[in-house]
Amino acid sequence: MSNKKPTWKEIEEKAGQLSKTELMELLQDLYLLLPENQDFFHARFLTGDLTLSGYKRTVREAVNPELEAGEDIHLKRAEKAIDHYCRATDNIIGEAELRVYFVECGNDFTLSYGDIDGWFYDALLEMYERAVEIVQELPAKNQEVFKSRFKKLMKSSDGIGWGYHDGLCDVYCEAFPEG
């Protein structure tokens, strides 16, 4: 038995030998294996807001957990969910939605439970910056809804520490100088 790690090339060769029925059974097995796989398949093959729902659930649970239920913050899990969505689809509006939602969840968490640590706000600010960059690439008609959400985040963060509020203001005012 070889200790050599299998490669994609080997998998691709074997999968290429499957019949259409066998391939569909394999896809179904993967679909049923993990909820994350279901989210990926929905995003890849379906359209609409429902394709975002699983990813939004993951983001909310990771960034704005219920502390009373003993849940912890898991920013990396939320970031990974957004990355998986981006791999599944090239829907830039959906990506912007998830990134803004990430920041909204983090902001809501702070407003509910009080200030966290600097690492938390650094992650929120980084996500906010990336969301703004993406939104700026959208046609003007698609930017307005996001702009109002960015502004609401900026205003509601007043009083939150760690330079978070100032960072949101700087990013917003630089990106949308007209207000």
N, C-alpha and C. Protein backbone atom coordinates (compact mmCIF):
# COMPACT_ATOMS: atom_id res chain seq x y z
N MET A 1 0.85 -1.18 0.00
CA MET A 1 0.00 0.00 0.00
C MET A 1 0.89 1.24 0.00
N SER A 2 0.62 2.15 -0.88
CA SER A 2 1.42 3.35 -1.03
C SER A 2 0.98 4.42 -0.02
N ASN A 3 1.96 5.17 0.48
CA ASN A 3 1.68 6.28 1.38
C ASN A 3 1.45 7.58 0.61
N LYS A 4 1.48 7.49 -0.71
CA LYS A 4 1.29 8.66 -1.56
C LYS A 4 -0.15 9.17 -1.44
N LYS A 5 -0.28 10.46 -1.24
CA LYS A 5 -1.60 11.07 -1.12
C LYS A 5 -2.28 11.07 -2.49
N PRO A 6 -3.57 10.66 -2.53
CA PRO A 6 -4.29 10.67 -3.81
C PRO A 6 -4.36 12.10 -4.38
N THR A 7 -4.43 12.19 -5.68
CA THR A 7 -4.49 13.50 -6.35
C THR A 7 -5.83 13.65 -7.06
N TRP A 8 -6.15 14.90 -7.40
CA TRP A 8 -7.37 15.17 -8.15
C TRP A 8 -7.35 14.45 -9.49
N LYS A 9 -6.21 14.38 -10.12
CA LYS A 9 -6.08 13.72 -11.42
C LYS A 9 -6.57 12.27 -11.33
N GLU A 10 -6.20 11.58 -10.26
CA GLU A 10 -6.64 10.19 -10.08
C GLU A 10 -8.16 10.11 -9.89
N ILE A 11 -8.70 11.03 -9.11
CA ILE A 11 -10.15 11.07 -8.87
C ILE A 11 -10.87 11.39 -10.18
N GLU A 12 -10.35 12.37 -10.89
CA GLU A 12 -10.95 12.78 -12.16
C GLU A 12 -11.01 11.61 -13.14
N GLU A 13 -9.95 10.84 -13.18
CA GLU A 13 -9.89 9.69 -14.08
C GLU A 13 -10.97 8.66 -13.72
N LYS A 14 -11.10 8.35 -12.44
CA LYS A 14 -12.11 7.39 -11.99
C LYS A 14 -13.52 7.93 -12.19
N ALA A 15 -13.74 9.20 -11.85
CA ALA A 15 -15.07 9.79 -12.00
C ALA A 15 -15.47 9.86 -13.47
N GLY A 16 -14.50 10.05 -14.35
CA GLY A 16 -14.78 10.10 -15.79
C GLY A 16 -15.29 8.77 -16.33
N GLN A 17 -15.08 7.71 -15.59
CA GLN A 17 -15.53 6.38 -16.01
C GLN A 17 -16.95 6.07 -15.54
N LEU A 18 -17.52 6.95 -14.71
CA LEU A 18 -18.87 6.72 -14.18
C LEU A 18 -19.92 7.00 -15.24
N SER A 19 -20.99 6.26 -15.17
CA SER A 19 -22.14 6.53 -16.04
C SER A 19 -22.86 7.77 -15.51
N LYS A 20 -23.76 8.31 -16.29
CA LYS A 20 -24.53 9.48 -15.85
C LYS A 20 -25.31 9.14 -14.58
N THR A 21 -25.89 7.97 -14.52
CA THR A 21 -26.65 7.55 -13.34
C THR A 21 -25.74 7.46 -12.12
N GLU A 22 -24.58 6.86 -12.27
CA GLU A 22 -23.63 6.75 -11.16
C GLU A 22 -23.15 8.12 -10.70
N LEU A 23 -22.94 9.00 -11.66
CA LEU A 23 -22.51 10.36 -11.32
C LEU A 23 -23.61 11.10 -10.56
N MET A 24 -24.84 10.94 -10.98
CA MET A 24 -25.96 11.58 -10.28
C MET A 24 -26.11 11.01 -8.86
N GLU A 25 -25.89 9.71 -8.70
CA GLU A 25 -25.94 9.10 -7.36
C GLU A 25 -24.82 9.66 -6.48
N LEU A 26 -23.66 9.85 -7.05
CA LEU A 26 -22.55 10.43 -6.30
C LEU A 26 -22.89 11.86 -5.86
N LEU A 27 -23.44 12.65 -6.77
CA LEU A 27 -23.82 14.02 -6.43
C LEU A 27 -24.89 14.02 -5.33
N GLN A 28 -25.83 13.09 -5.42
CA GLN A 28 -26.86 13.00 -4.39
C GLN A 28 -26.24 12.63 -3.03
N ASP A 29 -25.30 11.69 -3.04
CA ASP A 29 -24.62 11.33 -1.80
C ASP A 29 -23.91 12.53 -1.18
N LEU A 30 -23.23 13.28 -2.01
CA LEU A 30 -22.55 14.49 -1.52
C LEU A 30 -23.56 15.51 -1.00
N TYR A 31 -24.65 15.67 -1.72
CA TYR A 31 -25.70 16.61 -1.32
C TYR A 31 -26.24 16.25 0.07
N LEU A 32 -26.48 14.98 0.30
CA LEU A 32 -27.07 14.52 1.55
C LEU A 32 -26.05 14.43 2.70
N LEU A 33 -24.78 14.43 2.38
CA LEU A 33 -23.73 14.23 3.37
C LEU A 33 -23.64 15.35 4.40
N LEU A 34 -23.65 16.59 3.94
CA LEU A 34 -23.46 17.74 4.83
C LEU A 34 -24.38 18.89 4.44
N PRO A 35 -24.90 19.63 5.41
CA PRO A 35 -25.70 20.81 5.08
C PRO A 35 -24.91 21.83 4.24
N GLU A 36 -23.60 21.93 4.49
CA GLU A 36 -22.77 22.86 3.71
C GLU A 36 -22.76 22.47 2.24
N ASN A 37 -22.76 21.17 1.96
CA ASN A 37 -22.82 20.71 0.57
C ASN A 37 -24.14 21.10 -0.07
N GLN A 38 -25.22 21.00 0.69
CA GLN A 38 -26.52 21.39 0.17
C GLN A 38 -26.52 22.88 -0.18
N ASP A 39 -25.96 23.70 0.71
CA ASP A 39 -25.86 25.14 0.44
C ASP A 39 -25.07 25.38 -0.83
N PHE A 40 -23.97 24.66 -1.01
CA PHE A 40 -23.13 24.82 -2.20
C PHE A 40 -23.91 24.46 -3.46
N PHE A 41 -24.59 23.32 -3.46
CA PHE A 41 -25.36 22.90 -4.63
C PHE A 41 -26.49 23.89 -4.93
N HIS A 42 -27.15 24.39 -3.89
CA HIS A 42 -28.21 25.36 -4.11
C HIS A 42 -27.66 26.62 -4.77
N ALA A 43 -26.53 27.10 -4.26
CA ALA A 43 -25.92 28.31 -4.83
C ALA A 43 -25.45 28.07 -6.26
N ARG A 44 -24.89 26.92 -6.53
CA ARG A 44 -24.35 26.62 -7.85
C ARG A 44 -25.44 26.44 -8.90
N PHE A 45 -26.53 25.75 -8.53
CA PHE A 45 -27.50 25.34 -9.53
C PHE A 45 -28.83 26.08 -9.49
N LEU A 46 -29.12 26.79 -8.42
CA LEU A 46 -30.39 27.49 -8.30
C LEU A 46 -30.14 28.99 -8.24
N THR A 47 -31.19 29.77 -8.33
CA THR A 47 -31.06 31.22 -8.23
C THR A 47 -32.07 31.75 -7.21
N GLY A 48 -31.89 32.98 -6.82
CA GLY A 48 -32.82 33.62 -5.90
C GLY A 48 -32.27 33.74 -4.50
N ASP A 49 -33.04 34.42 -3.67
CA ASP A 49 -32.63 34.69 -2.30
C ASP A 49 -32.49 33.42 -1.46
N LEU A 50 -33.24 32.38 -1.81
CA LEU A 50 -33.16 31.15 -1.03
C LEU A 50 -31.78 30.52 -1.10
N THR A 51 -31.04 30.77 -2.17
CA THR A 51 -29.69 30.20 -2.27
C THR A 51 -28.76 30.82 -1.24
N LEU A 52 -29.09 31.99 -0.76
CA LEU A 52 -28.27 32.66 0.25
C LEU A 52 -28.65 32.25 1.67
N SER A 53 -29.82 31.68 1.86
CA SER A 53 -30.34 31.47 3.22
C SER A 53 -29.45 30.58 4.07
N GLY A 54 -28.93 29.50 3.52
CA GLY A 54 -28.05 28.63 4.31
C GLY A 54 -26.76 29.33 4.70
N TYR A 55 -26.22 30.10 3.77
CA TYR A 55 -24.99 30.85 4.06
C TYR A 55 -25.25 31.94 5.09
N LYS A 56 -26.39 32.60 4.98
CA LYS A 56 -26.72 33.64 5.96
C LYS A 56 -26.92 33.04 7.35
N ARG A 57 -27.53 31.88 7.40
CA ARG A 57 -27.72 31.19 8.69
C ARG A 57 -26.36 30.91 9.32
N THR A 58 -25.42 30.39 8.52
CA THR A 58 -24.08 30.09 9.02
C THR A 58 -23.39 31.36 9.51
N VAL A 59 -23.48 32.43 8.74
CA VAL A 59 -22.86 33.70 9.13
C VAL A 59 -23.47 34.20 10.43
N ARG A 60 -24.79 34.20 10.52
CA ARG A 60 -25.46 34.70 11.73
C ARG A 60 -25.06 33.87 12.96
N GLU A 61 -25.08 32.55 12.82
CA GLU A 61 -24.74 31.69 13.96
C GLU A 61 -23.28 31.86 14.39
N ALA A 62 -22.41 32.17 13.44
CA ALA A 62 -20.98 32.29 13.73
C ALA A 62 -20.60 33.67 14.26
N VAL A 63 -21.25 34.71 13.76
CA VAL A 63 -20.86 36.08 14.10
C VAL A 63 -21.75 36.68 15.19
N ASN A 64 -22.98 36.22 15.28
CA ASN A 64 -23.91 36.75 16.27
C ASN A 64 -24.56 35.58 17.01
N PRO A 65 -23.74 34.80 17.73
CA PRO A 65 -24.27 33.62 18.41
C PRO A 65 -25.10 34.00 19.63
N GLU A 66 -25.90 33.06 20.08
CA GLU A 66 -26.68 33.26 21.30
C GLU A 66 -25.83 32.82 22.49
N LEU A 67 -25.28 33.80 23.18
CA LEU A 67 -24.41 33.48 24.31
C LEU A 67 -25.17 32.75 25.41
N GLU A 68 -26.45 33.07 25.55
CA GLU A 68 -27.25 32.42 26.57
C GLU A 68 -27.34 30.91 26.33
N ALA A 69 -27.21 30.50 25.07
CA ALA A 69 -27.28 29.08 24.72
C ALA A 69 -25.89 28.44 24.73
N GLY A 70 -24.88 29.21 25.16
CA GLY A 70 -23.53 28.67 25.26
C GLY A 70 -22.77 28.66 23.94
N GLU A 71 -23.25 29.38 22.95
CA GLU A 71 -22.58 29.42 21.65
C GLU A 71 -21.43 30.42 21.68
N ASP A 72 -20.42 30.18 20.88
CA ASP A 72 -19.26 31.05 20.79
C ASP A 72 -19.19 31.71 19.43
N ILE A 73 -18.41 32.77 19.35
CA ILE A 73 -18.14 33.46 18.09
C ILE A 73 -17.16 32.61 17.29
N HIS A 74 -17.43 32.46 15.98
CA HIS A 74 -16.56 31.70 15.08
C HIS A 74 -16.45 32.45 13.75
N LEU A 75 -15.69 33.54 13.76
CA LEU A 75 -15.59 34.38 12.56
C LEU A 75 -15.04 33.61 11.37
N LYS A 76 -14.08 32.73 11.61
CA LYS A 76 -13.49 31.96 10.50
C LYS A 76 -14.54 31.09 9.81
N ARG A 77 -15.46 30.54 10.59
CA ARG A 77 -16.54 29.73 10.00
C ARG A 77 -17.40 30.58 9.07
N ALA A 78 -17.70 31.79 9.49
CA ALA A 78 -18.50 32.69 8.66
C ALA A 78 -17.73 33.09 7.40
N GLU A 79 -16.45 33.40 7.56
CA GLU A 79 -15.62 33.77 6.41
C GLU A 79 -15.52 32.60 5.42
N LYS A 80 -15.42 31.40 5.96
CA LYS A 80 -15.34 30.20 5.12
C LYS A 80 -16.65 30.00 4.36
N ALA A 81 -17.77 30.25 5.00
CA ALA A 81 -19.07 30.13 4.32
C ALA A 81 -19.16 31.10 3.15
N ILE A 82 -18.68 32.32 3.35
CA ILE A 82 -18.70 33.31 2.27
C ILE A 82 -17.79 32.86 1.13
N ASP A 83 -16.63 32.34 1.48
CA ASP A 83 -15.71 31.83 0.47
C ASP A 83 -16.34 30.68 -0.32
N HIS A 84 -17.03 29.79 0.37
CA HIS A 84 -17.69 28.68 -0.31
C HIS A 84 -18.78 29.18 -1.27
N TYR A 85 -19.51 30.19 -0.83
CA TYR A 85 -20.53 30.78 -1.71
C TYR A 85 -19.88 31.34 -2.98
N CYS A 86 -18.78 32.03 -2.80
CA CYS A 86 -18.07 32.63 -3.94
C CYS A 86 -17.55 31.56 -4.89
N ARG A 87 -17.14 30.42 -4.35
CA ARG A 87 -16.68 29.31 -5.20
C ARG A 87 -17.84 28.67 -5.95
N ALA A 88 -19.01 28.67 -5.33
CA ALA A 88 -20.17 28.03 -5.93
C ALA A 88 -20.79 28.87 -7.03
N THR A 89 -20.64 30.17 -6.93
CA THR A 89 -21.32 31.05 -7.88
C THR A 89 -20.48 32.30 -8.13
N ASP A 90 -20.73 32.94 -9.23
CA ASP A 90 -20.05 34.21 -9.50
C ASP A 90 -21.01 35.38 -9.30
N ASN A 91 -21.94 35.21 -8.39
CA ASN A 91 -22.95 36.22 -8.12
C ASN A 91 -22.37 37.29 -7.19
N ILE A 92 -21.94 38.39 -7.77
CA ILE A 92 -21.28 39.45 -7.00
C ILE A 92 -22.25 40.15 -6.05
N ILE A 93 -23.52 40.23 -6.43
CA ILE A 93 -24.51 40.85 -5.54
C ILE A 93 -24.73 39.95 -4.32
N GLY A 94 -24.77 38.65 -4.53
CA GLY A 94 -24.89 37.71 -3.41
C GLY A 94 -23.68 37.79 -2.49
N GLU A 95 -22.50 37.91 -3.08
CA GLU A 95 -21.29 38.05 -2.27
C GLU A 95 -21.35 39.33 -1.44
N ALA A 96 -21.74 40.42 -2.07
CA ALA A 96 -21.86 41.69 -1.33
C ALA A 96 -22.88 41.54 -0.20
N GLU A 97 -23.99 40.89 -0.49
CA GLU A 97 -25.02 40.67 0.52
C GLU A 97 -24.46 39.93 1.73
N LEU A 98 -23.74 38.86 1.48
CA LEU A 98 -23.18 38.08 2.60
C LEU A 98 -22.15 38.87 3.39
N ARG A 99 -21.34 39.65 2.70
CA ARG A 99 -20.31 40.42 3.40
C ARG A 99 -20.93 41.54 4.25
N VAL A 100 -21.92 42.20 3.72
CA VAL A 100 -22.60 43.24 4.51
C VAL A 100 -23.32 42.58 5.68
N TYR A 101 -23.95 41.46 5.43
CA TYR A 101 -24.67 40.75 6.48
C TYR A 101 -23.73 40.33 7.61
N PHE A 102 -22.53 39.90 7.28
CA PHE A 102 -21.50 39.55 8.26
C PHE A 102 -21.28 40.73 9.20
N VAL A 103 -21.09 41.92 8.64
CA VAL A 103 -20.83 43.11 9.46
C VAL A 103 -22.07 43.48 10.27
N GLU A 104 -23.24 43.37 9.66
CA GLU A 104 -24.47 43.67 10.39
C GLU A 104 -24.63 42.74 11.59
N CYS A 105 -24.33 41.47 11.39
CA CYS A 105 -24.42 40.50 12.50
C CYS A 105 -23.43 40.84 13.61
N GLY A 106 -22.21 41.20 13.24
CA GLY A 106 -21.21 41.58 14.23
C GLY A 106 -21.59 42.84 14.97
N ASN A 107 -22.12 43.79 14.23
CA ASN A 107 -22.57 45.05 14.84
C ASN A 107 -23.70 44.77 15.83
N ASP A 108 -24.68 43.95 15.40
CA ASP A 108 -25.80 43.60 16.28
C ASP A 108 -25.32 42.87 17.53
N PHE A 109 -24.31 42.02 17.36
CA PHE A 109 -23.77 41.29 18.51
C PHE A 109 -23.22 42.27 19.53
N THR A 110 -22.46 43.25 19.06
CA THR A 110 -21.90 44.25 19.97
C THR A 110 -22.99 45.07 20.63
N LEU A 111 -23.99 45.47 19.87
CA LEU A 111 -25.06 46.26 20.44
C LEU A 111 -25.85 45.46 21.48
N SER A 112 -25.89 44.15 21.33
CA SER A 112 -26.60 43.30 22.29
C SER A 112 -25.76 42.98 23.53
N TYR A 113 -24.46 42.73 23.33
CA TYR A 113 -23.63 42.21 24.42
C TYR A 113 -22.52 43.15 24.88
N GLY A 114 -22.27 44.24 24.17
CA GLY A 114 -21.21 45.15 24.56
C GLY A 114 -19.93 44.90 23.77
N ASP A 115 -18.95 45.75 24.00
CA ASP A 115 -17.69 45.68 23.26
C ASP A 115 -17.02 44.31 23.40
N ILE A 116 -16.41 43.89 22.30
CA ILE A 116 -15.65 42.66 22.25
C ILE A 116 -14.18 43.08 22.27
N ASP A 117 -13.32 42.35 21.58
CA ASP A 117 -11.90 42.68 21.51
C ASP A 117 -11.55 43.25 20.15
N GLY A 118 -10.32 43.77 20.04
CA GLY A 118 -9.85 44.37 18.81
C GLY A 118 -9.89 43.44 17.61
N TRP A 119 -9.55 42.16 17.79
CA TRP A 119 -9.55 41.20 16.68
C TRP A 119 -10.92 41.11 16.03
N PHE A 120 -11.97 41.21 16.85
CA PHE A 120 -13.35 41.12 16.36
C PHE A 120 -13.64 42.30 15.44
N TYR A 121 -13.29 43.51 15.90
CA TYR A 121 -13.58 44.71 15.11
C TYR A 121 -12.68 44.82 13.89
N ASP A 122 -11.45 44.32 14.00
CA ASP A 122 -10.57 44.28 12.83
C ASP A 122 -11.20 43.42 11.73
N ALA A 123 -11.76 42.28 12.11
CA ALA A 123 -12.40 41.39 11.14
C ALA A 123 -13.65 42.04 10.54
N LEU A 124 -14.44 42.71 11.37
CA LEU A 124 -15.64 43.39 10.86
C LEU A 124 -15.26 44.50 9.90
N LEU A 125 -14.27 45.29 10.28
CA LEU A 125 -13.84 46.40 9.44
C LEU A 125 -13.27 45.90 8.12
N GLU A 126 -12.50 44.84 8.16
CA GLU A 126 -11.94 44.27 6.93
C GLU A 126 -13.06 43.77 6.01
N MET A 127 -14.07 43.15 6.59
CA MET A 127 -15.21 42.67 5.80
C MET A 127 -16.00 43.85 5.22
N TYR A 128 -16.16 44.90 6.02
CA TYR A 128 -16.86 46.11 5.57
C TYR A 128 -16.13 46.72 4.38
N GLU A 129 -14.81 46.83 4.50
CA GLU A 129 -14.00 47.39 3.41
C GLU A 129 -14.16 46.58 2.13
N ARG A 130 -14.11 45.27 2.26
CA ARG A 130 -14.24 44.40 1.08
C ARG A 130 -15.65 44.52 0.48
N ALA A 131 -16.66 44.59 1.33
CA ALA A 131 -18.03 44.75 0.85
C ALA A 131 -18.19 46.07 0.09
N VAL A 132 -17.61 47.13 0.62
CA VAL A 132 -17.68 48.43 -0.05
C VAL A 132 -17.01 48.36 -1.42
N GLU A 133 -15.84 47.73 -1.48
CA GLU A 133 -15.14 47.58 -2.77
C GLU A 133 -16.01 46.85 -3.78
N ILE A 134 -16.65 45.79 -3.36
CA ILE A 134 -17.50 45.01 -4.25
C ILE A 134 -18.69 45.84 -4.72
N VAL A 135 -19.33 46.53 -3.79
CA VAL A 135 -20.50 47.34 -4.12
C VAL A 135 -20.13 48.45 -5.10
N GLN A 136 -18.96 49.01 -4.96
CA GLN A 136 -18.53 50.06 -5.88
C GLN A 136 -18.38 49.55 -7.32
N GLU A 137 -18.21 48.25 -7.49
CA GLU A 137 -18.11 47.64 -8.82
C GLU A 137 -19.48 47.41 -9.46
N LEU A 138 -20.54 47.49 -8.66
CA LEU A 138 -21.89 47.24 -9.15
C LEU A 138 -22.43 48.43 -9.92
N PRO A 139 -23.41 48.21 -10.80
CA PRO A 139 -24.09 49.34 -11.44
C PRO A 139 -24.73 50.24 -10.37
N ALA A 140 -24.83 51.52 -10.65
CA ALA A 140 -25.33 52.50 -9.68
C ALA A 140 -26.69 52.09 -9.09
N LYS A 141 -27.56 51.54 -9.91
CA LYS A 141 -28.90 51.17 -9.41
C LYS A 141 -28.83 50.09 -8.33
N ASN A 142 -27.81 49.23 -8.35
CA ASN A 142 -27.65 48.18 -7.36
C ASN A 142 -26.90 48.66 -6.11
N GLN A 143 -26.27 49.81 -6.20
CA GLN A 143 -25.48 50.31 -5.08
C GLN A 143 -26.31 50.93 -3.97
N GLU A 144 -27.45 51.52 -4.32
CA GLU A 144 -28.21 52.32 -3.36
C GLU A 144 -28.64 51.56 -2.12
N VAL A 145 -29.15 50.36 -2.28
CA VAL A 145 -29.60 49.59 -1.11
C VAL A 145 -28.42 49.30 -0.19
N PHE A 146 -27.29 48.95 -0.78
CA PHE A 146 -26.11 48.67 0.03
C PHE A 146 -25.59 49.94 0.70
N LYS A 147 -25.59 51.05 -0.03
CA LYS A 147 -25.12 52.31 0.56
C LYS A 147 -25.91 52.66 1.81
N SER A 148 -27.22 52.47 1.77
CA SER A 148 -28.02 52.80 2.94
C SER A 148 -27.70 51.85 4.10
N ARG A 149 -27.40 50.61 3.81
CA ARG A 149 -27.02 49.67 4.86
C ARG A 149 -25.65 50.01 5.43
N PHE A 150 -24.71 50.41 4.55
CA PHE A 150 -23.39 50.84 5.03
C PHE A 150 -23.52 52.04 5.96
N LYS A 151 -24.36 52.99 5.56
CA LYS A 151 -24.55 54.20 6.35
C LYS A 151 -25.19 53.86 7.70
N LYS A 152 -26.17 52.97 7.68
CA LYS A 152 -26.82 52.55 8.93
C LYS A 152 -25.82 51.88 9.86
N LEU A 153 -24.96 51.04 9.31
CA LEU A 153 -23.91 50.40 10.12
C LEU A 153 -23.00 51.45 10.73
N MET A 154 -22.60 52.41 9.92
CA MET A 154 -21.70 53.45 10.38
C MET A 154 -22.34 54.23 11.54
N LYS A 155 -23.59 54.62 11.37
CA LYS A 155 -24.27 55.39 12.41
C LYS A 155 -24.51 54.58 13.68
N SER A 156 -24.89 53.32 13.52
CA SER A 156 -25.20 52.51 14.71
C SER A 156 -23.95 52.10 15.48
N SER A 157 -22.79 52.23 14.85
CA SER A 157 -21.54 51.85 15.52
C SER A 157 -20.98 52.96 16.40
N ASP A 158 -21.62 54.12 16.39
CA ASP A 158 -21.14 55.23 17.20
C ASP A 158 -21.07 54.80 18.67
N GLY A 159 -19.90 54.95 19.26
CA GLY A 159 -19.71 54.56 20.65
C GLY A 159 -19.04 53.20 20.81
N ILE A 160 -18.94 52.45 19.73
CA ILE A 160 -18.24 51.17 19.81
C ILE A 160 -16.74 51.46 19.74
N GLY A 161 -15.99 50.81 20.58
CA GLY A 161 -14.56 51.09 20.72
C GLY A 161 -13.66 50.44 19.70
N TRP A 162 -12.39 50.43 20.02
CA TRP A 162 -11.33 49.80 19.24
C TRP A 162 -11.12 50.45 17.87
N GLY A 163 -11.56 51.68 17.70
CA GLY A 163 -11.39 52.37 16.42
C GLY A 163 -12.34 51.88 15.34
N TYR A 164 -13.27 51.03 15.73
CA TYR A 164 -14.20 50.44 14.77
C TYR A 164 -15.09 51.49 14.11
N HIS A 165 -15.73 52.30 14.93
CA HIS A 165 -16.62 53.34 14.39
C HIS A 165 -15.86 54.29 13.47
N ASP A 166 -14.70 54.74 13.92
CA ASP A 166 -13.89 55.65 13.10
C ASP A 166 -13.49 54.99 11.78
N GLY A 167 -13.15 53.71 11.83
CA GLY A 167 -12.78 52.98 10.62
C GLY A 167 -13.93 52.90 9.63
N LEU A 168 -15.14 52.59 10.15
CA LEU A 168 -16.31 52.53 9.26
C LEU A 168 -16.56 53.89 8.62
N CYS A 169 -16.46 54.95 9.42
CA CYS A 169 -16.67 56.30 8.90
C CYS A 169 -15.66 56.63 7.81
N ASP A 170 -14.40 56.32 8.06
CA ASP A 170 -13.35 56.59 7.06
C ASP A 170 -13.61 55.88 5.76
N VAL A 171 -13.93 54.59 5.85
CA VAL A 171 -14.18 53.79 4.64
C VAL A 171 -15.40 54.32 3.91
N TYR A 172 -16.47 54.57 4.63
CA TYR A 172 -17.71 55.05 4.00
C TYR A 172 -17.51 56.40 3.31
N CYS A 173 -16.92 57.35 4.04
CA CYS A 173 -16.74 58.70 3.50
C CYS A 173 -15.78 58.73 2.31
N GLU A 174 -14.79 57.86 2.31
CA GLU A 174 -13.86 57.79 1.17
C GLU A 174 -14.57 57.17 -0.03
N ALA A 175 -15.38 56.16 0.20
CA ALA A 175 -16.04 55.46 -0.90
C ALA A 175 -17.22 56.24 -1.45
N PHE A 176 -17.94 56.93 -0.57
CA PHE A 176 -19.16 57.65 -0.97
C PHE A 176 -19.09 59.07 -0.46
N PRO A 177 -18.21 59.91 -1.03
CA PRO A 177 -18.02 61.25 -0.50
C PRO A 177 -19.27 62.14 -0.58
N GLU A 178 -20.20 61.77 -1.45
CA GLU A 178 -21.41 62.57 -1.58
C GLU A 178 -22.38 62.30 -0.44
N GLY A 179 -22.04 61.32 0.41
CA GLY A 179 -22.84 61.06 1.61
C GLY A 179 -23.78 59.95 1.40
